[in-house]
Each structure stands twice: as C-alpha cells, then as structure tokens.
Amino acid sequence: MKIIRIQLLALFTATFLFNCGGKEEKKKEGFSYEKSMSQQETETKNIDANVTNIVLTANDMMQFNTKEIKVKAGQKVRLTLRHIGKLDVNVMGHNFVLLKNGTDLVAFATAAATQKENKYLPIGTEDVIAHTDIIGGGQVATIEFDAPPVGTYEFLCSFPAHYAMMRGQFIVE
C-alpha cells in the first residue's frame, strides 16, 4: 500500500512538473508592451476628468488584483472587471458586487450561491449598490455607477464560495 502511494505521488509530481514548464512564448513582431501602455495612458487621459476608471482583474486562482479601491464621493465610477484566467464561466466565473453598508457579507454570499439563474445575486435583494455580470476566462465586463456617500463598503465575487478569497474594501472619501 505504501509503495502504491509513493508511485502515485511520483506520477503526480512528474505530471505537474511536465505541464508547468518548458514553454516559451513567442513575441509577435511589431508588438511592444511599452507601446500598448503608452496608448492606454493616452486614452485614459482623454476620458472625462469626473469619471474614476478602475480596472479590476480576477484570475483562475480566485484572486482579485487588489483588496482596496478608493474613490471620491459623488464621482462617476467606471469599473472594468477583466478575467485574466482561462477557465470557463461555469467552472471559474467571477463578478464584482458592491454591497451597501451594514450588509452581512457571509449571509449575502451564502444566499447568492444558490441563485445561478439570477447571476448569483439573491432574488429581491436590496443590498447591492452595483454589480457586473458573471464572466469567464478572457472575458471583460464594464459597469458605471455613482460612488455612494463617504464610507467604507465591501465588495466580493458572489460565485459560489469565492467570497472567502475574493473580497475587499471600497473606500469612498
């Protein structure tokens, strides 16, 4: 029995190491990351000064790229959620849900987990300020909303069980 466990562990380790390494990405001719960033910065500067643009990324490891977002009270917020992973929406779907103050995050997420038909939002809830659609690997969702009054709000991914790792604070100054 012990030999079988050791053999299975060796097989698993070899498979893992084989699948994780050795691939080199080919660069496309004429593509420069620096060039893309400068174009993006130029586009961002041309957008209305009264709009706060936020880009939030989510990945296949159930992580947002930040746990804290700061905005000014009353400003228009344009939030773009980018799923930078590869997994399908049914396996590793993500969304952004901004909750009103005083909402029990765990109770909300537990109720949302059973509401696939309603984009993982509890039916009839009034606890949501803003939310994106559920997206899968390589997809993008953008929403616009007015920043709520000064305070600290919570945000999360309401896909089943993701709230445990995918949550943060939305701070309005």
Protein backbone atom coordinates (compact mmCIF):
# COMPACT_ATOMS: atom_id res chain seq x y z
CA MET A 1 0.00 0.00 0.00
CA LYS A 2 2.83 2.37 0.88
CA ILE A 3 4.59 1.63 -2.43
CA ILE A 4 1.42 2.48 -4.37
CA ARG A 5 1.15 5.84 -2.57
CA ILE A 6 4.77 6.65 -3.35
CA GLN A 7 4.30 5.70 -7.01
CA LEU A 8 1.15 7.82 -7.28
CA LEU A 9 2.90 10.77 -5.65
CA ALA A 10 5.84 10.43 -8.05
CA LEU A 11 3.48 10.22 -11.03
CA PHE A 12 1.52 13.27 -9.87
CA THR A 13 4.71 15.28 -9.27
CA ALA A 14 6.15 14.35 -12.68
CA THR A 15 2.89 15.26 -14.42
CA PHE A 16 2.73 18.57 -12.59
CA LEU A 17 6.32 19.50 -13.41
CA PHE A 18 5.95 18.42 -17.05
CA ASN A 19 2.81 20.55 -17.54
CA CYS A 20 4.13 23.65 -15.78
CA GLY A 21 7.39 24.33 -17.54
CA GLY A 22 9.29 24.46 -20.73
CA LYS A 23 7.00 26.52 -22.93
CA GLU A 24 8.37 29.76 -24.26
CA GLU A 25 6.01 32.41 -25.51
CA LYS A 26 6.71 33.77 -28.94
CA LYS A 27 6.55 37.52 -29.25
CA LYS A 28 4.57 38.95 -32.11
CA GLU A 29 6.57 41.14 -34.44
CA GLY A 30 5.87 44.81 -34.01
CA PHE A 31 4.28 44.31 -30.58
CA SER A 32 5.65 46.25 -27.67
CA TYR A 33 4.18 46.19 -24.20
CA GLU A 34 5.55 49.65 -23.55
CA LYS A 35 3.80 50.97 -26.64
CA SER A 36 0.49 49.46 -25.54
CA MET A 37 0.80 51.01 -22.10
CA SER A 38 1.51 54.48 -23.51
CA GLN A 39 -1.52 54.19 -25.81
CA GLN A 40 -3.65 53.14 -22.85
CA GLU A 41 -2.40 56.08 -20.78
CA THR A 42 -3.21 58.48 -23.62
CA GLU A 43 -6.74 57.07 -23.91
CA THR A 44 -7.20 57.32 -20.14
CA LYS A 45 -6.17 61.00 -20.13
CA ASN A 46 -8.77 61.78 -22.81
CA ILE A 47 -11.61 60.41 -20.67
CA ASP A 48 -13.74 62.84 -18.67
CA ALA A 49 -11.97 64.05 -15.52
CA ASN A 50 -15.16 63.50 -13.50
CA VAL A 51 -15.04 59.74 -14.10
CA THR A 52 -12.90 57.45 -11.98
CA ASN A 53 -11.71 54.50 -14.05
CA ILE A 54 -10.95 51.31 -12.18
CA VAL A 55 -9.64 48.12 -13.75
CA LEU A 56 -10.03 45.10 -11.51
CA THR A 57 -8.61 41.76 -12.60
CA ALA A 58 -9.63 38.30 -11.45
CA ASN A 59 -7.82 35.04 -12.17
CA ASP A 60 -8.18 31.26 -12.05
CA MET A 61 -6.67 31.22 -8.55
CA MET A 62 -9.75 33.00 -7.13
CA GLN A 63 -7.99 36.32 -6.60
CA PHE A 64 -8.71 39.95 -7.35
CA ASN A 65 -5.61 42.04 -8.06
CA THR A 66 -6.47 44.38 -5.17
CA LYS A 67 -8.26 44.25 -1.85
CA GLU A 68 -8.86 48.00 -1.68
CA ILE A 69 -10.41 50.50 -4.07
CA LYS A 70 -10.55 54.24 -3.29
CA VAL A 71 -12.84 56.76 -4.98
CA LYS A 72 -14.25 60.21 -4.24
CA ALA A 73 -17.84 60.65 -3.08
CA GLY A 74 -20.31 61.55 -5.82
CA GLN A 75 -17.96 60.78 -8.71
CA LYS A 76 -19.00 58.59 -11.59
CA VAL A 77 -17.15 55.26 -11.36
CA ARG A 78 -16.38 53.17 -14.44
CA LEU A 79 -15.29 49.75 -13.22
CA THR A 80 -13.91 47.21 -15.67
CA LEU A 81 -13.58 43.61 -14.50
CA ARG A 82 -11.12 41.53 -16.54
CA HIS A 83 -10.96 37.77 -16.07
CA ILE A 84 -7.31 37.08 -16.92
CA GLY A 85 -7.65 33.34 -16.40
CA LYS A 86 -8.50 30.65 -18.93
CA LEU A 87 -11.24 28.64 -17.22
CA ASP A 88 -14.85 28.70 -18.41
CA VAL A 89 -17.51 30.81 -16.71
CA ASN A 90 -19.26 27.67 -15.38
CA VAL A 91 -16.08 26.48 -13.67
CA MET A 92 -14.38 29.70 -12.53
CA GLY A 93 -16.82 32.54 -13.14
CA HIS A 94 -16.22 35.89 -11.46
CA ASN A 95 -18.16 39.06 -10.86
CA PHE A 96 -17.87 42.26 -8.84
CA VAL A 97 -20.61 43.03 -6.32
CA LEU A 98 -20.54 46.21 -4.23
CA LEU A 99 -22.64 45.87 -1.08
CA LYS A 100 -24.44 48.55 0.92
CA ASN A 101 -23.13 49.36 4.41
CA GLY A 102 -24.37 47.00 7.09
CA THR A 103 -24.88 44.05 4.75
CA ASP A 104 -23.76 40.72 6.21
CA LEU A 105 -21.27 39.60 3.55
CA VAL A 106 -21.31 35.91 4.51
CA ALA A 107 -25.13 35.72 4.63
CA PHE A 108 -25.33 37.54 1.28
CA ALA A 109 -22.77 35.23 -0.36
CA THR A 110 -24.47 32.13 1.04
CA ALA A 111 -27.83 33.22 -0.36
CA ALA A 112 -26.23 34.17 -3.70
CA ALA A 113 -24.58 30.77 -4.14
CA THR A 114 -27.89 29.11 -4.98
CA GLN A 115 -29.03 31.75 -7.48
CA LYS A 116 -27.27 30.76 -10.72
CA GLU A 117 -30.28 31.84 -12.82
CA ASN A 118 -30.08 35.31 -11.24
CA LYS A 119 -26.32 35.82 -11.89
CA TYR A 120 -25.51 34.67 -8.33
CA LEU A 121 -27.42 37.53 -6.71
CA PRO A 122 -30.14 36.79 -4.15
CA ILE A 123 -33.58 37.40 -5.68
CA GLY A 124 -35.21 40.56 -4.36
CA THR A 125 -32.10 41.80 -2.59
CA GLU A 126 -31.70 45.50 -1.92
CA ASP A 127 -28.18 45.08 -0.52
CA VAL A 128 -26.37 45.73 -3.83
CA ILE A 129 -25.09 49.14 -4.96
CA ALA A 130 -23.59 47.88 -8.23
CA HIS A 131 -22.57 44.59 -9.85
CA THR A 132 -21.14 43.16 -13.05
CA ASP A 133 -22.27 40.07 -14.91
CA ILE A 134 -20.53 36.76 -14.26
CA ILE A 135 -17.61 36.37 -16.70
CA GLY A 136 -15.24 33.54 -17.60
CA GLY A 137 -11.62 33.37 -18.70
CA GLY A 138 -10.64 36.06 -21.21
CA GLN A 139 -13.89 38.00 -20.80
CA VAL A 140 -14.42 41.60 -19.70
CA ALA A 141 -17.39 43.36 -18.06
CA THR A 142 -17.73 47.11 -17.53
CA ILE A 143 -20.25 48.97 -15.38
CA GLU A 144 -20.80 52.61 -14.48
CA PHE A 145 -22.33 53.89 -11.27
CA ASP A 146 -22.19 56.91 -8.97
CA ALA A 147 -19.96 56.50 -5.93
CA PRO A 148 -22.04 56.14 -2.77
CA PRO A 149 -21.71 58.53 0.22
CA VAL A 150 -18.46 58.71 2.20
CA GLY A 151 -17.74 55.45 3.98
CA THR A 152 -16.20 52.01 3.66
CA TYR A 153 -18.14 49.39 1.72
CA GLU A 154 -17.40 45.75 1.00
CA PHE A 155 -17.08 44.15 -2.43
CA LEU A 156 -16.91 40.48 -3.36
CA CYS A 157 -17.26 37.87 -6.06
CA SER A 158 -20.59 36.14 -5.44
CA PHE A 159 -19.82 32.98 -7.47
CA PRO A 160 -20.29 30.04 -5.03
CA ALA A 161 -17.59 30.02 -2.30
CA HIS A 162 -15.42 32.67 -3.98
CA TYR A 163 -16.21 35.33 -1.36
CA ALA A 164 -13.82 33.62 1.06
CA MET A 165 -10.84 34.81 -1.00
CA MET A 166 -12.28 37.36 -3.41
CA ARG A 167 -13.37 40.34 -1.37
CA GLY A 168 -12.16 43.75 -0.37
CA GLN A 169 -12.98 47.26 0.72
CA PHE A 170 -14.43 50.02 -1.46
CA ILE A 171 -13.45 53.24 0.28
CA VAL A 172 -15.29 56.44 -0.57
CA GLU A 173 -13.51 59.59 0.59
